[in-house]
Amino acid sequence: MRGQPKMRTVIIPTINEEENIGRIIEAVYRYMGDEVAVLVIDDNSSDGTHALVQSAAVRHPLVRLVVRRNERGLGTAIRRGAQEAAEGPVVVMDADFSHDVTKLPMLFAGIEEGYDVVVGSRYMPGGKTVGWPAHRILVSRGAMLIAKLLLGAPLKDSMSNYAAFRSGKILVRGVHHSGYKYLLEVLATVPGLRVKEVPIVFRDRTRGSSKLGGKTILLYLSLVLKLFARKQRVHVRLS
């Protein structure tokens, strides 16, 4: 007799996302149904983000808000979310609709197929980026090439922030950097993961203000160099 399926959790880090958070939560439930938990990890927003999450929790009892008063950074927010999540698969996604919410079922399905990590890739066949100028895409691809040369990262999109994990324990073990690009650190810290990439369309945000910029690339390159200096390499089984 098979046991009960483990709870699936969507982790959404936020800071001042009142223009998006209510809509993204409703979109998650539209495509995933009611049997999924949504865990919002908020870095002490000063707008209406908290109230909107609490309102969504009235309609969807598996929505939960965790407010971090004294911490900042996407990496540590994801790690906190992984610690708070129920045992079972988790997906990390942005609040601003840059990640295609319609692909959530496909990411979770990859975990059910037996993969440890399923990455939403902008740069594999079928994937693309919408709303970015050509130079920004070029810089992104260049940064990933450096990661491939120094760390052996075989992925088409090692800078993706949209991914599913077999368990939050993988993130707890693998994320220690506070920067905006956490996936590479996980793949270099937790060896032997079975990884699959699936195509996604990434769309630059249309509402709210971006938290990213040139600093993101610099932090990513800094992480690559730190991992290289520590002799950490990416050893995954990529399908």
Protein backbone atom coordinates (compact mmCIF):
# COMPACT_ATOMS: atom_id res chain seq x y z
CA MET A 1 0.00 0.00 0.00
CA ARG A 2 1.40 3.34 -1.06
CA GLY A 3 1.68 6.17 1.45
CA GLN A 4 0.09 9.55 1.11
CA PRO A 5 1.77 11.85 -1.46
CA LYS A 6 4.03 14.45 0.08
CA MET A 7 2.96 18.08 0.14
CA ARG A 8 4.18 20.20 -2.75
CA THR A 9 5.31 23.73 -1.85
CA VAL A 10 5.88 26.86 -3.94
CA ILE A 11 8.37 29.23 -2.29
CA ILE A 12 7.99 32.89 -3.32
CA PRO A 13 10.52 35.38 -1.90
CA THR A 14 9.24 38.97 -1.79
CA ILE A 15 10.08 42.53 -0.92
CA ASN A 16 7.54 45.24 -1.77
CA GLU A 17 5.55 43.18 -4.29
CA GLU A 18 2.05 44.55 -3.66
CA GLU A 19 1.46 44.95 -7.41
CA ASN A 20 2.09 41.27 -8.07
CA ILE A 21 1.83 39.00 -5.03
CA GLY A 22 -1.95 38.62 -4.86
CA ARG A 23 -2.18 37.87 -8.57
CA ILE A 24 0.71 35.38 -8.57
CA ILE A 25 -0.78 33.43 -5.65
CA GLU A 26 -4.12 33.16 -7.47
CA ALA A 27 -2.27 32.07 -10.63
CA VAL A 28 -0.46 29.31 -8.72
CA TYR A 29 -3.76 27.88 -7.53
CA ARG A 30 -5.32 28.26 -10.97
CA TYR A 31 -2.69 25.99 -12.51
CA MET A 32 -1.89 23.71 -9.56
CA GLY A 33 -5.24 23.25 -7.84
CA ASP A 34 -5.76 23.48 -4.10
CA GLU A 35 -3.36 20.73 -2.99
CA VAL A 36 -0.23 22.88 -2.98
CA ALA A 37 1.24 25.10 -0.27
CA VAL A 38 2.41 28.63 -1.06
CA LEU A 39 5.10 29.92 1.26
CA VAL A 40 5.85 33.65 0.95
CA ILE A 41 9.19 34.64 2.49
CA ASP A 42 9.12 38.41 2.84
CA ASP A 43 12.03 40.72 3.64
CA ASN A 44 9.95 43.13 5.75
CA SER A 45 8.05 44.87 2.95
CA SER A 46 6.88 48.41 3.63
CA ASP A 47 3.97 48.34 1.15
CA GLY A 48 0.79 46.25 1.13
CA THR A 49 2.44 42.89 0.44
CA HIS A 50 1.68 41.45 3.90
CA ALA A 51 -2.01 42.34 3.78
CA LEU A 52 -2.43 40.83 0.33
CA VAL A 53 -0.81 37.54 1.37
CA GLN A 54 -2.99 37.39 4.48
CA SER A 55 -6.06 38.04 2.34
CA ALA A 56 -5.05 35.22 -0.01
CA ALA A 57 -4.63 32.92 3.00
CA VAL A 58 -8.32 33.39 3.85
CA ARG A 59 -9.24 31.97 0.43
CA HIS A 60 -6.43 29.41 0.33
CA PRO A 61 -5.60 27.92 3.77
CA LEU A 62 -2.24 26.53 2.57
CA VAL A 63 -0.85 30.04 1.99
CA ARG A 64 1.61 31.12 4.68
CA LEU A 65 3.60 34.32 5.23
CA VAL A 66 7.01 34.41 6.93
CA VAL A 67 8.40 37.91 7.54
CA ARG A 68 12.13 38.35 8.04
CA ARG A 69 12.72 41.53 10.01
CA ASN A 70 16.51 41.60 10.12
CA GLU A 71 17.67 39.64 7.09
CA ARG A 72 17.97 40.47 3.40
CA GLY A 73 18.89 38.58 0.27
CA LEU A 74 17.30 36.09 -2.08
CA GLY A 75 19.61 33.20 -1.23
CA THR A 76 18.93 33.30 2.50
CA ALA A 77 15.21 33.84 1.87
CA ILE A 78 15.11 30.66 -0.22
CA ARG A 79 17.00 28.77 2.46
CA ARG A 80 14.51 29.98 5.09
CA GLY A 81 11.65 28.90 2.86
CA ALA A 82 13.18 25.45 2.45
CA GLN A 83 13.50 25.16 6.23
CA GLU A 84 9.86 26.16 6.69
CA ALA A 85 8.45 23.96 3.91
CA ALA A 86 6.76 20.64 4.55
CA GLU A 87 8.64 17.49 3.59
CA GLY A 88 8.16 17.07 -0.14
CA PRO A 89 9.05 18.71 -3.46
CA VAL A 90 9.46 22.49 -3.64
CA VAL A 91 9.55 25.02 -6.46
CA VAL A 92 11.23 28.41 -6.12
CA MET A 93 9.75 31.18 -8.27
CA ASP A 94 9.66 34.96 -8.49
CA ALA A 95 6.60 36.99 -7.52
CA ASP A 96 6.63 39.28 -10.55
CA PHE A 97 5.38 36.92 -13.31
CA SER A 98 8.80 36.77 -14.96
CA HIS A 99 8.58 33.01 -14.38
CA ASP A 100 5.88 31.30 -16.43
CA VAL A 101 3.40 30.02 -13.86
CA THR A 102 1.85 27.69 -16.46
CA LYS A 103 5.05 25.61 -16.27
CA LEU A 104 4.62 24.80 -12.56
CA PRO A 105 2.92 21.43 -13.25
CA MET A 106 5.75 20.48 -15.62
CA LEU A 107 8.43 21.30 -13.02
CA PHE A 108 6.71 19.20 -10.36
CA ALA A 109 6.15 16.41 -12.90
CA GLY A 110 9.90 16.22 -13.48
CA ILE A 111 10.41 15.55 -9.78
CA GLU A 112 7.79 12.80 -9.94
CA GLU A 113 9.80 11.27 -12.82
CA GLY A 114 12.69 10.80 -10.41
CA TYR A 115 14.86 13.89 -10.91
CA ASP A 116 16.37 15.71 -7.94
CA VAL A 117 16.30 19.13 -9.63
CA VAL A 118 14.23 20.37 -12.58
CA VAL A 119 15.43 23.70 -13.97
CA GLY A 120 13.34 26.12 -16.03
CA SER A 121 15.75 27.04 -18.84
CA ARG A 122 15.61 30.14 -21.02
CA TYR A 123 18.41 29.02 -23.29
CA MET A 124 17.50 25.49 -24.37
CA PRO A 125 15.41 24.78 -27.50
CA GLY A 126 11.88 26.02 -26.86
CA GLY A 127 12.94 28.54 -24.22
CA LYS A 128 13.42 32.27 -24.67
CA THR A 129 13.69 35.62 -22.94
CA VAL A 130 11.17 38.38 -23.64
CA GLY A 131 11.71 42.05 -22.78
CA TRP A 132 15.49 42.00 -22.37
CA PRO A 133 17.79 44.01 -24.66
CA ALA A 134 20.35 42.03 -26.66
CA HIS A 135 23.29 43.20 -24.54
CA ARG A 136 21.66 41.91 -21.35
CA ILE A 137 21.17 38.45 -22.87
CA LEU A 138 24.78 38.52 -24.08
CA VAL A 139 26.08 39.36 -20.61
CA SER A 140 23.94 36.60 -19.08
CA ARG A 141 25.23 34.02 -21.54
CA GLY A 142 28.80 35.20 -20.99
CA ALA A 143 28.48 34.78 -17.23
CA MET A 144 27.21 31.23 -17.70
CA LEU A 145 30.09 30.44 -20.05
CA ILE A 146 32.51 31.46 -17.31
CA ALA A 147 30.72 29.12 -14.88
CA LYS A 148 30.99 26.31 -17.42
CA LEU A 149 34.70 26.88 -17.98
CA LEU A 150 35.65 27.29 -14.31
CA LEU A 151 33.20 24.96 -12.59
CA GLY A 152 32.17 22.55 -15.31
CA ALA A 153 28.51 23.59 -15.11
CA PRO A 154 26.88 21.73 -18.04
CA LEU A 155 23.47 23.40 -17.87
CA LYS A 156 22.13 25.64 -20.61
CA ASP A 157 20.85 28.03 -17.91
CA SER A 158 22.81 27.89 -14.66
CA MET A 159 21.54 31.39 -13.79
CA SER A 160 17.90 30.34 -13.68
CA ASN A 161 15.99 31.15 -10.50
CA TYR A 162 12.99 29.01 -11.50
CA ALA A 163 13.50 25.41 -10.43
CA ALA A 164 11.97 22.45 -8.62
CA PHE A 165 13.75 20.36 -6.00
CA ARG A 166 12.97 16.87 -4.73
CA SER A 167 13.15 18.19 -1.17
CA GLY A 168 13.77 21.45 0.60
CA LYS A 169 16.68 19.66 2.27
CA ILE A 170 18.66 20.09 -0.96
CA LEU A 171 18.32 23.87 -0.65
CA VAL A 172 19.11 23.87 3.07
CA ARG A 173 22.28 21.94 2.33
CA GLY A 174 23.24 23.87 -0.78
CA VAL A 175 22.34 27.56 -0.32
CA HIS A 176 24.65 29.68 1.84
CA HIS A 177 25.15 32.74 -0.38
CA SER A 178 22.77 35.70 0.00
CA GLY A 179 22.92 36.76 -3.66
CA TYR A 180 20.27 36.52 -6.35
CA LYS A 181 21.64 33.46 -8.17
CA TYR A 182 21.41 30.43 -5.93
CA LEU A 183 21.14 27.49 -8.33
CA LEU A 184 24.82 27.25 -9.23
CA GLU A 185 25.79 27.13 -5.56
CA VAL A 186 23.37 24.25 -4.97
CA LEU A 187 24.74 22.27 -7.91
CA ALA A 188 28.34 22.83 -6.80
CA THR A 189 27.69 22.08 -3.12
CA VAL A 190 25.47 19.00 -3.41
CA PRO A 191 27.21 16.50 -5.72
CA GLY A 192 25.53 13.79 -7.75
CA LEU A 193 22.15 15.43 -8.25
CA ARG A 194 20.07 14.12 -11.13
CA VAL A 195 19.10 17.23 -13.09
CA LYS A 196 16.70 17.92 -15.94
CA GLU A 197 16.19 21.17 -17.85
CA VAL A 198 12.82 22.14 -19.33
CA PRO A 199 12.17 25.13 -21.61
CA ILE A 200 10.50 28.25 -20.24
CA VAL A 201 9.72 31.71 -21.54
CA PHE A 202 11.16 34.34 -19.19
CA ARG A 203 9.41 37.72 -19.33
CA ASP A 204 10.85 40.85 -17.75
CA ARG A 205 8.54 42.24 -15.09
CA THR A 206 5.79 44.65 -16.21
CA ARG A 207 4.64 45.79 -12.75
CA GLY A 208 6.62 46.94 -9.73
CA SER A 209 10.29 47.83 -9.62
CA SER A 210 13.09 45.40 -10.37
CA LYS A 211 15.44 44.44 -7.53
CA LEU A 212 18.11 43.37 -10.02
CA GLY A 213 20.72 45.11 -12.12
CA GLY A 214 24.38 44.97 -13.01
CA LYS A 215 25.14 44.10 -9.41
CA THR A 216 23.45 40.73 -9.95
CA ILE A 217 26.04 39.67 -12.53
CA LEU A 218 28.89 40.85 -10.31
CA LEU A 219 27.56 38.85 -7.36
CA TYR A 220 27.16 35.81 -9.61
CA LEU A 221 30.74 36.09 -10.87
CA SER A 222 31.95 36.58 -7.30
CA LEU A 223 30.17 33.34 -6.35
CA VAL A 224 31.75 31.52 -9.30
CA LEU A 225 35.22 32.65 -8.25
CA LYS A 226 34.62 31.67 -4.61
CA LEU A 227 33.48 28.20 -5.64
CA PHE A 228 36.46 27.87 -7.97
CA ALA A 229 38.88 28.94 -5.22
CA ARG A 230 37.35 26.35 -2.88
CA LYS A 231 37.83 23.72 -5.61
CA GLN A 232 34.10 23.10 -5.71
CA ARG A 233 32.85 21.89 -9.08
CA VAL A 234 29.48 21.01 -10.56
CA HIS A 235 29.07 17.23 -10.65
CA VAL A 236 25.52 16.46 -11.76
CA ARG A 237 23.80 13.85 -13.88
CA LEU A 238 22.14 15.96 -16.57
CA SER A 239 19.36 14.55 -18.73
